[in-house]
Amino acid sequence: MVAIALGVADLAGVFPFYRGLWEALSILGALYAKVQGEMLACATATCPPDVSGAFKQLQSLVLGAGGALTLYYLAKRSHALQKTAEANLAAIEKRTEELAMTRRDHLSKRFSESVKQLGDDKLAIRLGGIAGLAAVAQETNAKADQVIVCDVLCAYVRMERPKAEGPDASPSDDPPRETALPEDIKSILSVLSARSSAFTAGFRRDLSGADLRGANLVGADLSGADLRVANLLGADLSLANLNQANLSDAYLSGVYLFNANLSEADLSGTNLNWADLSKADLSKADLSKADLSGANLSEAKVMGINLRGSNLSGADLSEANLSGADLRKANLSGANLSQANLSGVRLSNANLSKAYLLLANLNWANLFGANMREVDLRNAYLLLANLNWVDLFGADLSLADLREANLSGANMMKIDLRGANLSGTNLNWVDLSKANLTGAKVTREQLEAAESLEGAIGLPESTDSPAS
């Protein structure tokens, strides 16, 4: 009891709250000491049992009262501390809210000043405004504010340059690629497309109709961007991320898209003539009715691509994987498809005249009604392919594998089938006039189903054995 009283006495000197507790415990301490003294006196002298018992009960009572009093004061102190903590927390929250409002007002002021700077005649001031808007977007935690900044910057890009001349513009009239874009537009594009930018995650960057001729966007992140009808003539988008971007009806003539990610992008109706798409990822991209004449798609990833009605005349698709692609009514005249994987591809009514398909894989492909005049299919694989009513006039299929293929109704006049494997091939109503079948694996029985063999050479002599 004395130790507790002394401890509380020390606290009372520092905290006034404990003064009342110290006074009460001092009184109880004195009473306890008195009782303790009387009990010691009884121990040395003879005291009646009832007196000794009374002293012990009194001692217990004093100790209990002291403990209860201590607990009371501690509970009271805890309540007071809780009240103080709540008050402090409320003050902190209020101060935080005030600071947030001040910060928001400050950001709002900076935003307004930066937007105003965009309209200045001096380039340096405009660049400062762009940097200011980029800083506001990075510092704010509100996505709504970031969206507004993004929209302002995109609108500036769309409006600043004269409207693009479009596909009919002469490339020679355009400024050199390195200097085509004004510095302020370059700065905005850098902000909007940087991989660390605040705008690369889930933002719809609307650059539709923008004049971006000659833009340097190497490695840019424009995933999901709206680039419809944009003019990117001669731009460099090598290694860029254009996943799910909308480039429909855009002008991308001569664009560099080497190793770019265009998976699931919308490129329908886009002009990509002479574009470099080598090693680009075009998986599941929509290139229907796109112009890819002269484009380089060598080693491109084109699984599940839609090329229906597209123009690929003269395009380089060597070693490309077009397995399962939709190329119906596509123009592939003069295209290089050597060693390309076209297994299961849909090429019905496509134009493949004079295309180069050396060692190409066309197993299970559907080429119904396709124009394949003078096509080069040497050593090509056409196992179970559908070539029904195909025009193969003057085509070279020497050493090609045509086992179980359907060639019924095909025009095969002047075709070169030297060494080709026609085992099980359907040749019903085929015109093989002036065809060269020297060394071909075909039976007389198969050839008897043909419409014409006039002038054909290398025909097998027996009806049950293929030519050797």
Protein backbone atom coordinates (compact mmCIF):
# COMPACT_ATOMS: atom_id res chain seq x y z
CA MET A 1 0.00 0.00 0.00
CA VAL A 2 2.81 2.38 0.89
CA ALA A 3 4.63 1.57 -2.41
CA ILE A 4 1.47 2.26 -4.43
CA ALA A 5 0.95 5.52 -2.58
CA LEU A 6 4.54 6.59 -3.24
CA GLY A 7 4.19 5.72 -6.96
CA VAL A 8 0.99 7.69 -7.25
CA ALA A 9 2.64 10.56 -5.38
CA ASP A 10 5.31 10.71 -8.09
CA LEU A 11 2.61 10.79 -10.81
CA ALA A 12 0.66 13.44 -8.91
CA GLY A 13 3.63 15.75 -9.23
CA VAL A 14 3.38 15.48 -13.01
CA PHE A 15 -0.30 14.79 -13.69
CA PRO A 16 -2.85 16.77 -11.60
CA PHE A 17 -5.40 14.08 -12.31
CA TYR A 18 -3.63 11.71 -9.91
CA ARG A 19 -3.59 14.22 -6.99
CA GLY A 20 -6.99 13.11 -5.61
CA LEU A 21 -6.00 9.47 -5.87
CA TRP A 22 -2.74 10.19 -4.05
CA GLU A 23 -4.52 11.97 -1.18
CA ALA A 24 -7.04 9.13 -0.76
CA LEU A 25 -4.33 6.49 -0.81
CA SER A 26 -2.27 8.51 1.70
CA ILE A 27 -5.13 8.38 4.20
CA LEU A 28 -5.64 4.66 3.61
CA GLY A 29 -1.89 4.16 3.91
CA ALA A 30 -1.77 5.89 7.27
CA LEU A 31 -4.73 3.82 8.48
CA TYR A 32 -3.05 0.66 7.22
CA ALA A 33 0.17 1.56 9.07
CA LYS A 34 -1.79 2.16 12.29
CA VAL A 35 -3.54 -1.20 11.99
CA GLN A 36 -0.22 -2.92 11.20
CA GLY A 37 1.31 -1.37 14.33
CA GLU A 38 -1.53 -2.56 16.53
CA MET A 39 -1.20 -6.07 15.09
CA LEU A 40 2.52 -6.12 15.90
CA ALA A 41 1.71 -4.97 19.43
CA CYS A 42 -0.73 -7.85 19.78
CA ALA A 43 1.91 -10.23 18.57
CA THR A 44 4.30 -9.23 21.40
CA ALA A 45 1.56 -9.00 24.04
CA THR A 46 -1.38 -11.15 24.89
CA CYS A 47 -4.50 -9.93 23.04
CA PRO A 48 -7.90 -11.50 23.14
CA PRO A 49 -8.61 -13.58 19.99
CA ASP A 50 -11.51 -11.38 19.01
CA VAL A 51 -9.30 -8.27 19.06
CA SER A 52 -6.61 -9.93 16.90
CA GLY A 53 -9.30 -11.08 14.41
CA ALA A 54 -10.78 -7.60 14.26
CA PHE A 55 -7.37 -6.13 13.37
CA LYS A 56 -6.95 -8.65 10.56
CA GLN A 57 -10.41 -7.86 9.16
CA LEU A 58 -9.66 -4.15 9.33
CA GLN A 59 -6.35 -4.72 7.52
CA SER A 60 -8.14 -6.59 4.68
CA LEU A 61 -10.77 -3.87 4.48
CA VAL A 62 -8.14 -1.16 4.13
CA LEU A 63 -6.32 -3.10 1.39
CA GLY A 64 -9.59 -3.75 -0.50
CA ALA A 65 -10.62 -0.11 -0.29
CA GLY A 66 -7.24 0.95 -1.63
CA GLY A 67 -7.46 -1.46 -4.55
CA ALA A 68 -11.01 -0.44 -5.41
CA LEU A 69 -10.08 3.22 -5.25
CA THR A 70 -7.09 2.63 -7.52
CA LEU A 71 -9.20 0.77 -10.11
CA TYR A 72 -11.80 3.53 -10.05
CA TYR A 73 -9.25 6.22 -10.74
CA LEU A 74 -7.59 4.15 -13.47
CA ALA A 75 -10.93 3.59 -15.21
CA LYS A 76 -11.69 7.27 -14.97
CA ARG A 77 -8.27 8.10 -16.39
CA SER A 78 -8.78 5.63 -19.28
CA HIS A 79 -12.07 7.27 -20.16
CA ALA A 80 -10.44 10.68 -20.11
CA LEU A 81 -7.62 9.47 -22.36
CA GLN A 82 -10.16 8.00 -24.79
CA LYS A 83 -12.00 11.30 -24.95
CA THR A 84 -8.73 13.11 -25.57
CA ALA A 85 -7.77 10.63 -28.30
CA GLU A 86 -11.14 11.05 -30.01
CA ALA A 87 -10.78 14.80 -29.89
CA ASN A 88 -7.26 14.60 -31.32
CA LEU A 89 -8.43 12.23 -34.09
CA ALA A 90 -11.26 14.57 -35.02
CA ALA A 91 -8.79 17.44 -35.14
CA ILE A 92 -6.44 15.42 -37.36
CA GLU A 93 -9.28 14.45 -39.71
CA LYS A 94 -10.39 18.04 -39.96
CA ARG A 95 -6.85 19.17 -40.66
CA THR A 96 -6.40 16.43 -43.26
CA GLU A 97 -9.62 17.48 -44.97
CA GLU A 98 -8.49 21.10 -44.94
CA LEU A 99 -5.13 20.11 -46.43
CA ALA A 100 -6.85 17.98 -49.08
CA MET A 101 -9.12 20.87 -50.03
CA THR A 102 -6.13 23.19 -50.14
CA ARG A 103 -4.21 20.70 -52.29
CA ARG A 104 -7.20 20.21 -54.59
CA ASP A 105 -7.62 23.96 -54.94
CA HIS A 106 -3.91 24.20 -55.70
CA LEU A 107 -4.13 21.44 -58.35
CA SER A 108 -7.22 23.06 -59.84
CA LYS A 109 -5.40 26.36 -60.11
CA ARG A 110 -2.39 24.68 -61.70
CA PHE A 111 -4.69 22.86 -64.13
CA SER A 112 -6.36 26.11 -65.21
CA GLU A 113 -3.02 27.85 -65.64
CA SER A 114 -1.61 24.94 -67.65
CA VAL A 115 -4.63 24.83 -69.97
CA LYS A 116 -4.27 28.57 -70.52
CA GLN A 117 -0.61 28.08 -71.42
CA LEU A 118 -1.57 25.63 -74.18
CA GLY A 119 -3.05 28.51 -76.15
CA ASP A 120 0.05 30.70 -75.95
CA ASP A 121 1.92 31.66 -79.12
CA LYS A 122 5.31 30.79 -77.62
CA LEU A 123 6.40 27.16 -77.87
CA ALA A 124 8.26 27.24 -74.55
CA ILE A 125 5.12 28.33 -72.70
CA ARG A 126 3.03 25.66 -74.44
CA LEU A 127 5.58 23.02 -73.47
CA GLY A 128 5.38 24.29 -69.89
CA GLY A 129 1.61 23.91 -69.98
CA ILE A 130 1.93 20.33 -71.23
CA ALA A 131 4.41 19.51 -68.47
CA GLY A 132 2.09 21.13 -65.93
CA LEU A 133 -0.89 19.04 -67.02
CA ALA A 134 1.22 15.88 -66.92
CA ALA A 135 2.30 16.73 -63.37
CA VAL A 136 -1.31 17.34 -62.29
CA ALA A 137 -2.31 13.94 -63.69
CA GLN A 138 0.51 12.22 -61.82
CA GLU A 139 -0.16 13.98 -58.51
CA THR A 140 -3.93 13.72 -58.31
CA ASN A 141 -5.55 10.61 -56.87
CA ALA A 142 -8.86 11.26 -58.60
CA LYS A 143 -9.28 9.32 -61.83
CA ALA A 144 -11.91 11.83 -62.96
CA ASP A 145 -9.24 14.55 -62.91
CA GLN A 146 -6.85 12.34 -64.88
CA VAL A 147 -9.56 11.70 -67.48
CA ILE A 148 -10.08 15.45 -67.90
CA VAL A 149 -6.34 16.03 -68.38
CA CYS A 150 -6.18 13.17 -70.88
CA ASP A 151 -9.13 14.56 -72.84
CA VAL A 152 -7.59 18.04 -72.96
CA LEU A 153 -4.27 16.76 -74.29
CA CYS A 154 -5.96 14.50 -76.86
CA ALA A 155 -8.19 17.34 -78.04
CA TYR A 156 -5.12 19.54 -78.51
CA VAL A 157 -3.46 16.89 -80.71
CA ARG A 158 -6.62 16.45 -82.79
CA MET A 159 -7.16 20.17 -83.32
CA GLU A 160 -3.67 21.65 -83.54
CA ARG A 161 -2.53 20.46 -86.98
CA PRO A 162 -4.38 20.94 -90.27
CA LYS A 163 -6.68 18.10 -91.26
CA ALA A 164 -4.76 15.24 -92.87
CA GLU A 165 -4.87 15.05 -96.63
CA GLY A 166 -5.69 11.32 -96.50
CA PRO A 167 -4.70 8.44 -98.76
CA ASP A 168 -4.57 10.58 -101.90
CA ALA A 169 -1.84 12.82 -100.53
CA SER A 170 1.53 12.45 -102.18
CA PRO A 171 4.17 11.13 -99.76
CA SER A 172 6.77 13.38 -101.36
CA ASP A 173 4.82 16.45 -100.24
CA ASP A 174 5.11 15.45 -96.59
CA PRO A 175 7.95 16.81 -94.42
CA PRO A 176 10.76 14.45 -93.43
CA ARG A 177 9.79 11.89 -90.81
CA GLU A 178 12.13 13.30 -88.15
CA THR A 179 10.68 16.83 -88.38
CA ALA A 180 7.09 16.15 -89.38
CA LEU A 181 5.59 16.76 -85.95
CA PRO A 182 5.69 20.04 -84.01
CA GLU A 183 7.52 19.85 -80.70
CA ASP A 184 4.40 20.39 -78.61
CA ILE A 185 2.61 17.49 -80.33
CA LYS A 186 5.67 15.30 -79.79
CA SER A 187 5.65 16.24 -76.11
CA ILE A 188 1.96 15.37 -75.71
CA LEU A 189 2.37 12.04 -77.49
CA SER A 190 5.26 11.24 -75.18
CA VAL A 191 3.05 11.96 -72.16
CA LEU A 192 0.09 9.97 -73.50
CA SER A 193 2.05 6.94 -74.66
CA ALA A 194 4.83 6.52 -72.09
CA ARG A 195 4.59 3.09 -70.43
CA SER A 196 4.91 4.76 -67.01
CA SER A 197 2.25 7.34 -67.82
CA ALA A 198 -0.87 7.83 -65.71
CA PHE A 199 -2.90 7.33 -68.89
CA THR A 200 -1.78 3.83 -69.92
CA ALA A 201 -4.11 1.88 -67.63
CA GLY A 202 -7.74 1.84 -68.70
CA PHE A 203 -7.84 5.29 -70.34
CA ARG A 204 -9.52 5.90 -73.68
CA ARG A 205 -7.07 8.15 -75.48
CA ASP A 206 -9.08 9.68 -78.31
CA LEU A 207 -6.71 10.55 -81.14
CA SER A 208 -9.22 9.86 -83.88
CA GLY A 209 -8.59 11.84 -87.04
CA ALA A 210 -5.30 13.20 -85.70
CA ASP A 211 -2.50 14.12 -88.09
CA LEU A 212 0.47 12.13 -86.77
CA ARG A 213 2.52 11.84 -89.94
CA GLY A 214 6.09 10.84 -89.26
CA ALA A 215 5.55 10.45 -85.51
CA ASN A 216 8.26 8.66 -83.57
CA LEU A 217 6.33 6.29 -81.32
CA VAL A 218 8.89 3.53 -80.91
CA GLY A 219 7.94 1.41 -77.89
CA ALA A 220 4.88 3.57 -77.19
CA ASP A 221 1.97 2.22 -75.16
CA LEU A 222 -1.20 3.05 -77.08
CA SER A 223 -3.18 0.01 -76.02
CA GLY A 224 -6.89 0.62 -76.40
CA ALA A 225 -6.30 4.03 -78.02
CA ASP A 226 -8.81 5.45 -80.50
CA LEU A 227 -6.87 6.16 -83.70
CA ARG A 228 -9.71 5.90 -86.19
CA VAL A 229 -9.07 7.77 -89.44
CA ALA A 230 -5.75 9.03 -88.03
CA ASN A 231 -2.95 9.81 -90.49
CA LEU A 232 0.23 8.01 -89.44
CA LEU A 233 1.97 8.13 -92.81
CA GLY A 234 5.60 7.09 -92.35
CA ALA A 235 5.31 6.92 -88.55
CA ASP A 236 7.57 4.62 -86.54
CA LEU A 237 5.58 2.35 -84.21
CA SER A 238 8.18 -0.38 -83.89
CA LEU A 239 7.82 -2.33 -80.63
CA ALA A 240 4.70 -0.31 -79.81
CA ASN A 241 1.81 -1.75 -77.81
CA LEU A 242 -1.41 -1.28 -79.80
CA ASN A 243 -3.32 -4.13 -78.22
CA GLN A 244 -7.08 -3.61 -78.77
CA ALA A 245 -6.45 -0.21 -80.35
CA ASN A 246 -8.98 1.07 -82.87
CA LEU A 247 -7.20 1.93 -86.13
CA SER A 248 -10.12 1.42 -88.47
CA ASP A 249 -9.89 3.45 -91.69
CA ALA A 250 -6.58 4.93 -90.52
CA TYR A 251 -3.82 5.84 -92.99
CA LEU A 252 -0.73 3.78 -92.13
CA SER A 253 1.03 3.73 -95.47
CA GLY A 254 4.73 3.01 -95.05
CA VAL A 255 4.42 2.74 -91.27
CA TYR A 256 7.04 0.84 -89.31
CA LEU A 257 5.32 -1.71 -87.07
CA PHE A 258 8.21 -4.11 -86.63
CA ASN A 259 7.60 -6.40 -83.63
CA ALA A 260 4.60 -4.29 -82.59
CA ASN A 261 1.70 -5.72 -80.57
CA LEU A 262 -1.50 -5.35 -82.61
CA SER A 263 -3.34 -8.30 -81.10
CA GLU A 264 -7.12 -7.86 -81.15
CA ALA A 265 -6.70 -4.45 -82.78
CA ASP A 266 -9.32 -3.12 -85.20
CA LEU A 267 -7.58 -2.39 -88.51
CA SER A 268 -10.60 -2.81 -90.74
CA GLY A 269 -10.42 -0.65 -93.85
CA THR A 270 -6.96 0.60 -92.86
CA ASN A 271 -4.39 1.58 -95.47
CA LEU A 272 -1.21 -0.37 -94.65
CA ASN A 273 0.36 -0.51 -98.08
CA TRP A 274 4.13 -0.93 -97.93
CA ALA A 275 3.96 -1.06 -94.12
CA ASP A 276 6.57 -3.07 -92.23
CA LEU A 277 4.70 -5.58 -90.04
CA SER A 278 7.51 -8.11 -89.79
CA LYS A 279 7.40 -10.09 -86.54
CA ALA A 280 4.35 -8.09 -85.46
CA ASP A 281 1.68 -9.76 -83.31
CA LEU A 282 -1.59 -9.57 -85.25
CA SER A 283 -3.33 -12.37 -83.38
CA LYS A 284 -7.12 -12.02 -83.59
CA ALA A 285 -6.77 -8.62 -85.25
CA ASP A 286 -9.46 -7.45 -87.67
CA LEU A 287 -7.93 -6.45 -91.02
CA SER A 288 -11.03 -6.98 -93.11
CA LYS A 289 -10.98 -4.83 -96.26
CA ALA A 290 -7.58 -3.43 -95.27
CA ASP A 291 -5.04 -2.46 -97.92
CA LEU A 292 -1.82 -4.39 -97.27
CA SER A 293 -0.44 -4.25 -100.78
CA GLY A 294 3.33 -4.45 -100.69
CA ALA A 295 3.34 -4.81 -96.90
CA ASN A 296 5.95 -6.92 -95.13
CA LEU A 297 4.35 -9.48 -92.81
CA SER A 298 7.22 -11.95 -92.70
CA GLU A 299 7.31 -13.96 -89.48
CA ALA A 300 4.25 -12.09 -88.22
CA LYS A 301 1.94 -13.78 -85.71
CA VAL A 302 -1.44 -13.91 -87.39
CA MET A 303 -3.33 -16.68 -85.60
CA GLY A 304 -7.07 -16.06 -85.84
CA ILE A 305 -6.62 -12.93 -87.96
CA ASN A 306 -9.51 -11.64 -90.08
CA LEU A 307 -8.27 -10.68 -93.56
CA ARG A 308 -11.58 -11.06 -95.34
CA GLY A 309 -11.72 -8.84 -98.40
CA SER A 310 -8.29 -7.35 -97.71
CA ASN A 311 -5.74 -6.36 -100.34
CA LEU A 312 -2.45 -8.23 -99.87
CA SER A 313 -1.19 -7.97 -103.42
CA GLY A 314 2.58 -8.09 -103.46
CA ALA A 315 2.72 -8.49 -99.68
CA ASP A 316 5.49 -10.49 -98.03
CA LEU A 317 3.94 -13.22 -95.86
CA SER A 318 6.83 -15.64 -96.04
CA GLU A 319 6.91 -18.04 -93.08
CA ALA A 320 3.83 -16.37 -91.62
CA ASN A 321 1.48 -18.50 -89.56
CA LEU A 322 -1.99 -17.91 -91.01
CA SER A 323 -3.49 -21.14 -89.75
CA GLY A 324 -7.27 -20.86 -89.58
CA ALA A 325 -7.28 -17.27 -90.88
CA ASP A 326 -10.21 -15.79 -92.79
CA LEU A 327 -8.97 -14.66 -96.22
CA ARG A 328 -12.19 -15.01 -98.15
CA LYS A 329 -12.26 -12.69 -101.19
CA ALA A 330 -8.82 -11.37 -100.24
CA ASN A 331 -6.45 -10.13 -102.93
CA LEU A 332 -3.13 -11.97 -102.64
CA SER A 333 -2.00 -11.57 -106.22
CA GLY A 334 1.77 -11.64 -106.44
CA ALA A 335 2.10 -12.10 -102.67
CA ASN A 336 5.01 -14.03 -101.19
CA LEU A 337 3.63 -16.87 -99.06
CA SER A 338 6.60 -19.19 -99.28
CA GLN A 339 6.79 -21.61 -96.36
CA ALA A 340 3.72 -19.96 -94.84
CA ASN A 341 1.35 -22.00 -92.70
CA LEU A 342 -2.08 -21.76 -94.32
CA SER A 343 -3.54 -24.95 -92.91
CA GLY A 344 -7.29 -24.74 -92.56
CA VAL A 345 -7.35 -21.21 -93.95
CA ARG A 346 -10.48 -19.90 -95.68
CA LEU A 347 -9.52 -18.59 -99.13
CA SER A 348 -12.73 -19.08 -101.05
CA ASN A 349 -13.02 -16.66 -103.99
CA ALA A 350 -9.65 -15.15 -103.11
CA ASN A 351 -7.22 -13.84 -105.73
CA LEU A 352 -3.90 -15.69 -105.57
CA SER A 353 -2.83 -15.17 -109.14
CA LYS A 354 0.96 -15.27 -109.57
CA ALA A 355 1.37 -15.68 -105.80
CA TYR A 356 4.51 -17.41 -104.53
CA LEU A 357 3.61 -20.41 -102.33
CA LEU A 358 6.74 -22.54 -102.46
CA LEU A 359 6.66 -25.15 -99.64
CA ALA A 360 3.52 -23.54 -98.22
CA ASN A 361 1.21 -25.60 -96.02
CA LEU A 362 -2.35 -25.53 -97.38
CA ASN A 363 -3.57 -28.77 -95.84
CA TRP A 364 -7.35 -28.69 -95.26
CA ALA A 365 -7.53 -25.19 -96.74
CA ASN A 366 -10.74 -24.06 -98.45
CA LEU A 367 -9.88 -22.48 -101.81
CA PHE A 368 -13.28 -22.85 -103.45
CA GLY A 369 -13.55 -20.67 -106.55
CA ALA A 370 -10.18 -18.98 -105.94
CA ASN A 371 -8.17 -17.37 -108.73
CA MET A 372 -4.83 -19.17 -108.71
CA ARG A 373 -3.70 -18.54 -112.26
CA GLU A 374 0.06 -18.97 -112.68
CA VAL A 375 0.50 -19.50 -108.94
CA ASP A 376 3.74 -21.08 -107.75
CA LEU A 377 2.86 -24.08 -105.54
CA ARG A 378 6.02 -26.11 -105.98
CA ASN A 379 6.53 -28.60 -103.14
CA ALA A 380 3.41 -27.22 -101.46
CA TYR A 381 1.19 -29.31 -99.18
CA LEU A 382 -2.49 -29.48 -100.18
CA LEU A 383 -3.61 -32.62 -98.37
CA LEU A 384 -7.43 -32.77 -98.25
CA ALA A 385 -7.62 -29.20 -99.52
CA ASN A 386 -10.78 -27.98 -101.24
CA LEU A 387 -9.86 -26.67 -104.72
CA ASN A 388 -13.32 -27.06 -106.18
CA TRP A 389 -13.81 -24.82 -109.27
CA VAL A 390 -10.41 -23.17 -108.72
CA ASP A 391 -8.68 -21.52 -111.69
CA LEU A 392 -5.16 -22.99 -111.82
CA PHE A 393 -4.36 -22.06 -115.40
CA GLY A 394 -0.60 -22.21 -115.96
CA ALA A 395 0.09 -22.91 -112.27
CA ASP A 396 3.20 -24.75 -111.11
CA LEU A 397 2.37 -27.62 -108.72
CA SER A 398 5.41 -29.75 -109.41
CA LEU A 399 6.20 -32.07 -106.48
CA ALA A 400 3.12 -30.78 -104.64
CA ASP A 401 1.22 -33.06 -102.27
CA LEU A 402 -2.43 -33.15 -103.40
CA ARG A 403 -3.51 -36.39 -101.75
CA GLU A 404 -7.27 -36.64 -101.20
CA ALA A 405 -7.71 -33.05 -102.40
CA ASN A 406 -10.91 -31.99 -104.17
CA LEU A 407 -10.13 -30.48 -107.59
CA SER A 408 -13.49 -31.14 -109.20
CA GLY A 409 -14.38 -28.58 -111.84
CA ALA A 410 -10.99 -26.88 -111.62
CA ASN A 411 -9.31 -25.23 -114.60
CA MET A 412 -5.90 -26.88 -114.83
CA MET A 413 -4.97 -26.01 -118.38
CA LYS A 414 -1.20 -25.83 -118.95
CA ILE A 415 -0.61 -26.79 -115.30
CA ASP A 416 2.72 -28.29 -114.24
CA LEU A 417 2.11 -31.41 -112.12
CA ARG A 418 5.48 -33.09 -112.59
CA GLY A 419 6.18 -35.40 -109.67
CA ALA A 420 3.02 -34.29 -107.86
CA ASN A 421 1.19 -36.73 -105.59
CA LEU A 422 -2.46 -36.98 -106.69
CA SER A 423 -3.32 -40.19 -104.84
CA GLY A 424 -7.04 -40.21 -104.10
CA THR A 425 -7.48 -36.72 -105.58
CA ASN A 426 -10.89 -35.88 -107.04
CA LEU A 427 -10.36 -34.87 -110.70
CA ASN A 428 -13.99 -34.93 -111.83
CA TRP A 429 -14.73 -32.45 -114.66
CA VAL A 430 -11.18 -31.08 -114.47
CA ASP A 431 -9.71 -29.47 -117.59
CA LEU A 432 -6.17 -30.82 -117.92
CA SER A 433 -5.57 -29.65 -121.46
CA LYS A 434 -1.83 -29.30 -122.22
CA ALA A 435 -1.02 -30.24 -118.59
CA ASN A 436 2.33 -31.83 -117.73
CA LEU A 437 1.82 -34.94 -115.57
CA THR A 438 5.26 -36.43 -116.01
CA GLY A 439 6.10 -38.49 -112.94
CA ALA A 440 2.82 -37.60 -111.22
CA LYS A 441 1.22 -40.19 -108.94
CA VAL A 442 -2.16 -40.50 -110.61
CA THR A 443 -4.16 -43.35 -112.14
CA ARG A 444 -5.79 -43.53 -115.55
CA GLU A 445 -9.05 -44.16 -113.72
CA GLN A 446 -8.77 -40.78 -112.02
CA LEU A 447 -7.90 -39.08 -115.29
CA GLU A 448 -10.84 -40.65 -117.08
CA ALA A 449 -13.12 -38.54 -114.88
CA ALA A 450 -11.49 -35.36 -116.21
CA GLU A 451 -13.32 -33.17 -118.69
CA SER A 452 -10.36 -32.80 -121.04
CA LEU A 453 -6.86 -34.26 -121.41
CA GLU A 454 -6.21 -32.76 -124.82
CA GLY A 455 -2.54 -32.10 -125.36
CA ALA A 456 -1.60 -33.35 -121.88
CA ILE A 457 1.78 -35.07 -121.54
CA GLY A 458 3.19 -37.63 -119.10
CA LEU A 459 -0.07 -39.58 -118.82
CA PRO A 460 0.17 -43.05 -117.19
CA GLU A 461 0.00 -45.95 -119.63
CA SER A 462 -2.03 -48.39 -117.50
CA THR A 463 -5.35 -47.86 -115.78
CA ASP A 464 -4.36 -49.24 -112.43
CA SER A 465 -0.92 -47.88 -111.78
CA PRO A 466 0.26 -44.35 -111.22
CA ALA A 467 2.94 -42.83 -113.34
CA SER A 468 6.42 -43.43 -112.02
